């Protein structure tokens, strides 16, 4: 990830289709913190991935 708050960390990304929705989960390798976002299946998975990583960054910085 390009963000400075993820320096030295790996972010695991998981996609899962649930009905008409696509769930994207981002997991921080160091803390084990995870966040999930969902959107329609028709949405580009890269957009969901970007939002999930931004949400994870927010949660980690919130502390």
N, C-alpha and C. Protein backbone atom coordinates (compact mmCIF):
# COMPACT_ATOMS: atom_id res chain seq x y z
N UNK A 1 0.83 -1.17 0.00
CA UNK A 1 0.00 0.00 0.00
C UNK A 1 0.88 1.24 0.00
N UNK A 2 0.42 2.26 -0.64
CA UNK A 2 1.20 3.48 -0.80
C UNK A 2 1.15 4.38 0.43
N UNK A 3 0.20 4.19 1.30
CA UNK A 3 0.01 5.07 2.43
C UNK A 3 1.13 4.90 3.46
N UNK A 4 1.54 6.02 4.04
CA UNK A 4 2.65 5.98 5.00
C UNK A 4 2.26 5.27 6.30
N UNK A 5 0.99 5.24 6.66
CA UNK A 5 0.59 4.59 7.90
C UNK A 5 0.67 3.07 7.80
N UNK A 6 0.85 2.54 6.59
CA UNK A 6 0.98 1.09 6.40
C UNK A 6 2.42 0.68 6.16
N UNK A 7 3.36 1.56 6.46
CA UNK A 7 4.76 1.27 6.23
C UNK A 7 5.19 0.04 7.04
N UNK A 8 5.74 -0.94 6.37
CA UNK A 8 6.19 -2.15 7.04
C UNK A 8 5.09 -3.14 7.36
N UNK A 9 3.89 -2.89 6.86
CA UNK A 9 2.75 -3.77 7.14
C UNK A 9 2.21 -4.34 5.84
N UNK A 10 1.59 -5.48 5.95
CA UNK A 10 0.88 -6.06 4.82
C UNK A 10 -0.61 -5.93 5.09
N UNK A 11 -1.36 -5.72 4.03
CA UNK A 11 -2.80 -5.64 4.14
C UNK A 11 -3.37 -6.81 3.32
N UNK A 12 -4.15 -7.64 3.96
CA UNK A 12 -4.79 -8.76 3.28
C UNK A 12 -6.17 -8.32 2.81
N UNK A 13 -6.50 -8.64 1.58
CA UNK A 13 -7.78 -8.27 0.99
C UNK A 13 -8.54 -9.54 0.64
N UNK A 14 -9.83 -9.56 1.00
CA UNK A 14 -10.66 -10.72 0.70
C UNK A 14 -11.98 -10.24 0.09
N UNK A 15 -12.38 -10.86 -1.01
CA UNK A 15 -13.66 -10.56 -1.65
C UNK A 15 -14.58 -11.76 -1.50
N UNK A 16 -15.86 -11.49 -1.24
CA UNK A 16 -16.84 -12.56 -1.14
C UNK A 16 -18.18 -12.04 -1.66
N UNK A 17 -18.78 -12.77 -2.57
CA UNK A 17 -20.08 -12.39 -3.09
C UNK A 17 -21.16 -12.95 -2.18
N UNK A 18 -22.08 -12.07 -1.77
CA UNK A 18 -23.21 -12.47 -0.94
C UNK A 18 -24.46 -11.95 -1.64
N UNK A 19 -25.13 -12.84 -2.35
CA UNK A 19 -26.31 -12.42 -3.11
C UNK A 19 -25.92 -11.43 -4.19
N UNK A 20 -26.55 -10.26 -4.17
CA UNK A 20 -26.27 -9.22 -5.15
C UNK A 20 -25.18 -8.25 -4.70
N UNK A 21 -24.54 -8.56 -3.57
CA UNK A 21 -23.50 -7.69 -3.04
C UNK A 21 -22.13 -8.35 -3.07
N UNK A 22 -21.11 -7.51 -3.17
CA UNK A 22 -19.73 -7.97 -3.09
C UNK A 22 -19.14 -7.37 -1.82
N UNK A 23 -18.68 -8.22 -0.93
CA UNK A 23 -18.07 -7.77 0.32
C UNK A 23 -16.56 -7.78 0.16
N UNK A 24 -15.92 -6.72 0.62
CA UNK A 24 -14.46 -6.62 0.59
C UNK A 24 -13.99 -6.40 2.02
N UNK A 25 -13.12 -7.28 2.48
CA UNK A 25 -12.57 -7.18 3.82
C UNK A 25 -11.08 -6.88 3.71
N UNK A 26 -10.62 -5.89 4.48
CA UNK A 26 -9.20 -5.54 4.54
C UNK A 26 -8.72 -5.85 5.96
N UNK A 27 -7.61 -6.59 6.05
CA UNK A 27 -7.08 -7.03 7.35
C UNK A 27 -5.64 -6.56 7.49
N UNK A 28 -5.34 -5.91 8.60
CA UNK A 28 -3.97 -5.47 8.89
C UNK A 28 -3.18 -6.65 9.45
N UNK A 29 -2.03 -6.92 8.86
CA UNK A 29 -1.24 -8.09 9.26
C UNK A 29 -0.62 -7.95 10.64
N UNK A 30 -0.38 -6.74 11.10
CA UNK A 30 0.28 -6.54 12.39
C UNK A 30 -0.72 -6.60 13.54
N UNK A 31 -1.79 -5.83 13.45
CA UNK A 31 -2.74 -5.75 14.57
C UNK A 31 -3.87 -6.76 14.47
N UNK A 32 -4.12 -7.28 13.26
CA UNK A 32 -5.24 -8.19 13.08
C UNK A 32 -6.57 -7.47 12.94
N UNK A 33 -6.54 -6.15 12.97
CA UNK A 33 -7.76 -5.34 12.81
C UNK A 33 -8.32 -5.56 11.41
N UNK A 34 -9.64 -5.69 11.31
CA UNK A 34 -10.25 -5.86 10.00
C UNK A 34 -11.48 -4.98 9.86
N UNK A 35 -11.71 -4.57 8.63
CA UNK A 35 -12.89 -3.78 8.29
C UNK A 35 -13.51 -4.38 7.04
N UNK A 36 -14.81 -4.16 6.88
CA UNK A 36 -15.53 -4.69 5.73
C UNK A 36 -16.37 -3.59 5.11
N UNK A 37 -16.37 -3.56 3.78
CA UNK A 37 -17.27 -2.68 3.04
C UNK A 37 -18.00 -3.55 2.03
N UNK A 38 -19.15 -3.08 1.59
CA UNK A 38 -19.94 -3.84 0.64
C UNK A 38 -20.48 -2.91 -0.44
N UNK A 39 -20.69 -3.48 -1.61
CA UNK A 39 -21.26 -2.73 -2.71
C UNK A 39 -21.89 -3.69 -3.69
N UNK A 40 -22.56 -3.16 -4.69
CA UNK A 40 -23.19 -4.03 -5.68
C UNK A 40 -22.15 -4.83 -6.46
N UNK A 41 -22.55 -6.01 -6.91
CA UNK A 41 -21.65 -6.88 -7.67
C UNK A 41 -21.15 -6.17 -8.93
N UNK A 42 -21.96 -5.29 -9.47
CA UNK A 42 -21.60 -4.60 -10.70
C UNK A 42 -20.47 -3.58 -10.50
N UNK A 43 -20.17 -3.23 -9.27
CA UNK A 43 -19.12 -2.25 -8.98
C UNK A 43 -17.75 -2.86 -9.24
N UNK A 44 -16.83 -2.04 -9.66
CA UNK A 44 -15.45 -2.47 -9.89
C UNK A 44 -14.82 -2.89 -8.55
N UNK A 45 -14.30 -4.11 -8.46
CA UNK A 45 -13.70 -4.57 -7.19
C UNK A 45 -12.56 -3.68 -6.71
N UNK A 46 -11.85 -3.03 -7.62
CA UNK A 46 -10.75 -2.14 -7.21
C UNK A 46 -11.28 -0.94 -6.42
N UNK A 47 -12.48 -0.47 -6.75
CA UNK A 47 -13.08 0.63 -6.00
C UNK A 47 -13.39 0.20 -4.58
N UNK A 48 -13.96 -0.99 -4.43
CA UNK A 48 -14.25 -1.50 -3.09
C UNK A 48 -12.96 -1.71 -2.30
N UNK A 49 -11.94 -2.20 -2.96
CA UNK A 49 -10.65 -2.43 -2.31
C UNK A 49 -10.08 -1.11 -1.78
N UNK A 50 -10.14 -0.07 -2.61
CA UNK A 50 -9.63 1.24 -2.23
C UNK A 50 -10.38 1.79 -1.01
N UNK A 51 -11.70 1.66 -1.02
CA UNK A 51 -12.51 2.14 0.10
C UNK A 51 -12.22 1.34 1.37
N UNK A 52 -12.05 0.04 1.23
CA UNK A 52 -11.76 -0.81 2.39
C UNK A 52 -10.41 -0.44 3.01
N UNK A 53 -9.41 -0.18 2.17
CA UNK A 53 -8.09 0.19 2.69
C UNK A 53 -8.15 1.56 3.36
N UNK A 54 -8.89 2.49 2.78
CA UNK A 54 -9.05 3.81 3.41
C UNK A 54 -9.76 3.69 4.75
N UNK A 55 -10.76 2.84 4.82
CA UNK A 55 -11.49 2.62 6.07
C UNK A 55 -10.58 1.99 7.12
N UNK A 56 -9.75 1.03 6.71
CA UNK A 56 -8.81 0.41 7.63
C UNK A 56 -7.81 1.43 8.15
N UNK A 57 -7.32 2.27 7.27
CA UNK A 57 -6.38 3.32 7.69
C UNK A 57 -7.04 4.24 8.71
N UNK A 58 -8.29 4.61 8.48
CA UNK A 58 -9.01 5.46 9.42
C UNK A 58 -9.14 4.78 10.78
N UNK A 59 -9.52 3.51 10.78
CA UNK A 59 -9.71 2.79 12.04
C UNK A 59 -8.38 2.66 12.79
N UNK A 60 -7.30 2.39 12.08
CA UNK A 60 -6.00 2.24 12.74
C UNK A 60 -5.51 3.58 13.31
N UNK A 61 -5.75 4.67 12.58
CA UNK A 61 -5.32 5.99 13.07
C UNK A 61 -6.19 6.50 14.21
N UNK A 62 -7.43 6.03 14.24
CA UNK A 62 -8.36 6.43 15.30
C UNK A 62 -7.89 5.90 16.65
N UNK A 63 -7.24 4.76 16.59
CA UNK A 63 -6.59 4.21 17.73
C UNK A 63 -7.37 3.51 18.74
